[in-house]
Amino acid sequence: MKHRSHLSQKQRKARSQLAKIVHEKGFVRGTIITMSRVCGNPNCRCAKGQKHVSLYLSRSEGGKPRLLFIPKRYEELVNGWVESYRSIKELLEVFSLDLWDGIKQRRFD
C-alpha cells in the first residue's frame, strides 16, 4: 500500500470519508424490508384486514436468507447503518477504480 502522501486526490478523499463512516457512524450489511403480518388475535384489527407492518433487516448468510426484526425505536438507527454500508461500498469502488486506472497507465508509485 502506498503511503498517504502518494495517494491520489480521489483516494485521499475516499479514504477520509471511509474513516469517518467507520469510526463515527457504524455500518451493517443488509437490506431493510417491510413485512405485513397477522398476529392471530381474532379481535385485533389485523383480523379485519389491517395487517401489522414491521421492518426487518435481511441478509444472506451461506446462501440462506436471514431476517432480524427491527423494533420501531431502532428503525432510524438501523436504516442509517445500512446506508453507511452502501456508502462504504461506493467509496471502495472509487478507490478501486482509481487504482485500476493507475495500473492501466502503469503508474505504480
C-alpha atoms as a PDB file:
ATOM      1  CA  MET A   1       0.000   0.000   0.000  1.00  0.00           C
ATOM      2  CA  LYS A   2       1.188   3.456  -0.826  1.00  0.00           C
ATOM      3  CA  HIS A   3       1.957   5.968   1.874  1.00  0.00           C
ATOM      4  CA  ARG A   4      -0.827   8.533   2.246  1.00  0.00           C
ATOM      5  CA  SER A   5       1.253  11.256   0.609  1.00  0.00           C
ATOM      6  CA  HIS A   6       1.429   9.127  -2.550  1.00  0.00           C
ATOM      7  CA  LEU A   7      -2.326   8.659  -2.782  1.00  0.00           C
ATOM      8  CA  SER A   8      -4.230  10.495  -5.471  1.00  0.00           C
ATOM      9  CA  GLN A   9      -6.674  13.247  -4.531  1.00  0.00           C
ATOM     10  CA  LYS A  10      -9.586  10.842  -5.184  1.00  0.00           C
ATOM     11  CA  GLN A  11      -8.022   8.185  -2.969  1.00  0.00           C
ATOM     12  CA  ARG A  12      -7.349  10.611  -0.109  1.00  0.00           C
ATOM     13  CA  LYS A  13     -10.914  11.908  -0.227  1.00  0.00           C
ATOM     14  CA  ALA A  14     -12.403   8.399  -0.359  1.00  0.00           C
ATOM     15  CA  ARG A  15     -10.129   7.212   2.462  1.00  0.00           C
ATOM     16  CA  SER A  16     -11.129  10.171   4.631  1.00  0.00           C
ATOM     17  CA  GLN A  17     -14.826   9.560   4.042  1.00  0.00           C
ATOM     18  CA  LEU A  18     -14.396   5.831   4.740  1.00  0.00           C
ATOM     19  CA  ALA A  19     -12.623   6.512   8.027  1.00  0.00           C
ATOM     20  CA  LYS A  20     -15.346   8.905   9.113  1.00  0.00           C
ATOM     21  CA  ILE A  21     -18.115   6.396   8.435  1.00  0.00           C
ATOM     22  CA  VAL A  22     -16.294   3.508  10.101  1.00  0.00           C
ATOM     23  CA  HIS A  23     -15.286   5.444  13.202  1.00  0.00           C
ATOM     24  CA  GLU A  24     -18.295   7.688  13.719  1.00  0.00           C
ATOM     25  CA  LYS A  25     -21.402   6.101  12.255  1.00  0.00           C
ATOM     26  CA  GLY A  26     -21.217   2.321  12.211  1.00  0.00           C
ATOM     27  CA  PHE A  27     -22.463   0.115   9.398  1.00  0.00           C
ATOM     28  CA  VAL A  28     -24.219  -3.155   8.683  1.00  0.00           C
ATOM     29  CA  ARG A  29     -24.633  -5.210   5.508  1.00  0.00           C
ATOM     30  CA  GLY A  30     -28.241  -5.914   4.733  1.00  0.00           C
ATOM     31  CA  THR A  31     -31.442  -4.690   3.206  1.00  0.00           C
ATOM     32  CA  ILE A  32     -34.389  -3.205   5.048  1.00  0.00           C
ATOM     33  CA  ILE A  33     -37.625  -4.931   4.121  1.00  0.00           C
ATOM     34  CA  THR A  34     -41.209  -4.245   5.157  1.00  0.00           C
ATOM     35  CA  MET A  35     -43.468  -7.128   6.029  1.00  0.00           C
ATOM     36  CA  SER A  36     -47.176  -7.173   6.797  1.00  0.00           C
ATOM     37  CA  ARG A  37     -48.478  -9.840   9.117  1.00  0.00           C
ATOM     38  CA  VAL A  38     -51.454 -11.086  11.090  1.00  0.00           C
ATOM     39  CA  CYS A  39     -50.868 -11.652  14.808  1.00  0.00           C
ATOM     40  CA  GLY A  40     -53.523 -14.326  15.275  1.00  0.00           C
ATOM     41  CA  ASN A  41     -55.736 -12.463  17.753  1.00  0.00           C
ATOM     42  CA  PRO A  42     -59.270 -12.752  16.356  1.00  0.00           C
ATOM     43  CA  ASN A  43     -60.272  -9.408  17.957  1.00  0.00           C
ATOM     44  CA  CYS A  44     -57.301  -7.473  16.504  1.00  0.00           C
ATOM     45  CA  ARG A  45     -57.582  -5.029  13.601  1.00  0.00           C
ATOM     46  CA  CYS A  46     -55.319  -7.316  11.557  1.00  0.00           C
ATOM     47  CA  ALA A  47     -58.091  -9.957  11.550  1.00  0.00           C
ATOM     48  CA  LYS A  48     -60.207  -7.406   9.692  1.00  0.00           C
ATOM     49  CA  GLY A  49     -57.540  -6.758   7.045  1.00  0.00           C
ATOM     50  CA  GLN A  50     -55.393  -4.011   8.625  1.00  0.00           C
ATOM     51  CA  LYS A  51     -52.206  -6.018   8.972  1.00  0.00           C
ATOM     52  CA  HIS A  52     -49.331  -5.115  11.305  1.00  0.00           C
ATOM     53  CA  VAL A  53     -46.406  -3.606   9.402  1.00  0.00           C
ATOM     54  CA  SER A  54     -42.870  -4.290  10.648  1.00  0.00           C
ATOM     55  CA  LEU A  55     -39.354  -3.669   9.378  1.00  0.00           C
ATOM     56  CA  TYR A  56     -36.759  -6.414   9.137  1.00  0.00           C
ATOM     57  CA  LEU A  57     -33.079  -6.456   8.301  1.00  0.00           C
ATOM     58  CA  SER A  58     -32.420  -9.067   5.640  1.00  0.00           C
ATOM     59  CA  ARG A  59     -29.097 -10.553   4.585  1.00  0.00           C
ATOM     60  CA  SER A  60     -27.816 -13.740   3.067  1.00  0.00           C
ATOM     61  CA  GLU A  61     -25.548 -16.000   5.121  1.00  0.00           C
ATOM     62  CA  GLY A  62     -24.149 -19.064   3.413  1.00  0.00           C
ATOM     63  CA  GLY A  63     -26.684 -18.689   0.620  1.00  0.00           C
ATOM     64  CA  LYS A  64     -29.613 -18.659   3.041  1.00  0.00           C
ATOM     65  CA  PRO A  65     -31.690 -15.569   3.776  1.00  0.00           C
ATOM     66  CA  ARG A  66     -31.694 -14.340   7.382  1.00  0.00           C
ATOM     67  CA  LEU A  67     -34.155 -11.856   8.841  1.00  0.00           C
ATOM     68  CA  LEU A  68     -33.909  -9.787  12.014  1.00  0.00           C
ATOM     69  CA  PHE A  69     -36.894  -7.892  13.359  1.00  0.00           C
ATOM     70  CA  ILE A  70     -36.139  -4.186  13.892  1.00  0.00           C
ATOM     71  CA  PRO A  71     -38.058  -2.646  16.813  1.00  0.00           C
ATOM     72  CA  LYS A  72     -39.671   0.712  15.969  1.00  0.00           C
ATOM     73  CA  ARG A  73     -37.298   2.635  18.255  1.00  0.00           C
ATOM     74  CA  TYR A  74     -34.274   1.335  16.282  1.00  0.00           C
ATOM     75  CA  GLU A  75     -35.620   1.711  12.729  1.00  0.00           C
ATOM     76  CA  GLU A  76     -33.903   5.046  12.035  1.00  0.00           C
ATOM     77  CA  LEU A  77     -30.600   3.872  13.548  1.00  0.00           C
ATOM     78  CA  VAL A  78     -30.516   0.606  11.578  1.00  0.00           C
ATOM     79  CA  ASN A  79     -31.541   2.418   8.378  1.00  0.00           C
ATOM     80  CA  GLY A  80     -28.552   4.716   8.887  1.00  0.00           C
ATOM     81  CA  TRP A  81     -26.200   1.753   9.334  1.00  0.00           C
ATOM     82  CA  VAL A  82     -27.488   0.160   6.110  1.00  0.00           C
ATOM     83  CA  GLU A  83     -26.973   3.457   4.252  1.00  0.00           C
ATOM     84  CA  SER A  84     -23.462   3.729   5.709  1.00  0.00           C
ATOM     85  CA  TYR A  85     -22.650   0.266   4.369  1.00  0.00           C
ATOM     86  CA  ARG A  86     -23.851   1.312   0.899  1.00  0.00           C
ATOM     87  CA  SER A  87     -21.691   4.434   1.105  1.00  0.00           C
ATOM     88  CA  ILE A  88     -18.674   2.340   2.097  1.00  0.00           C
ATOM     89  CA  LYS A  89     -19.180   0.094  -0.939  1.00  0.00           C
ATOM     90  CA  GLU A  90     -19.375   3.141  -3.221  1.00  0.00           C
ATOM     91  CA  LEU A  91     -16.242   4.687  -1.702  1.00  0.00           C
ATOM     92  CA  LEU A  92     -14.318   1.428  -2.038  1.00  0.00           C
ATOM     93  CA  GLU A  93     -15.308   1.354  -5.692  1.00  0.00           C
ATOM     94  CA  VAL A  94     -13.962   4.916  -6.173  1.00  0.00           C
ATOM     95  CA  PHE A  95     -10.675   3.872  -4.558  1.00  0.00           C
ATOM     96  CA  SER A  96     -10.520   0.658  -6.610  1.00  0.00           C
ATOM     97  CA  LEU A  97     -11.262   2.395  -9.921  1.00  0.00           C
ATOM     98  CA  ASP A  98      -8.558   4.978  -9.267  1.00  0.00           C
ATOM     99  CA  LEU A  99      -6.041   2.188  -8.610  1.00  0.00           C
ATOM    100  CA  TRP A 100      -7.316   0.332 -11.680  1.00  0.00           C
ATOM    101  CA  ASP A 101      -6.632   3.420 -13.803  1.00  0.00           C
ATOM    102  CA  GLY A 102      -3.151   3.673 -12.300  1.00  0.00           C
ATOM    103  CA  ILE A 103      -2.386   0.067 -13.179  1.00  0.00           C
ATOM    104  CA  LYS A 104      -3.728   0.603 -16.687  1.00  0.00           C
ATOM    105  CA  GLN A 105      -1.426   3.600 -17.121  1.00  0.00           C
ATOM    106  CA  ARG A 106       1.474   1.735 -15.462  1.00  0.00           C
ATOM    107  CA  ARG A 107       1.638   4.211 -12.566  1.00  0.00           C
ATOM    108  CA  PHE A 108       2.827   2.138  -9.629  1.00  0.00           C
ATOM    109  CA  ASP A 109       4.465   4.804  -7.482  1.00  0.00           C
END
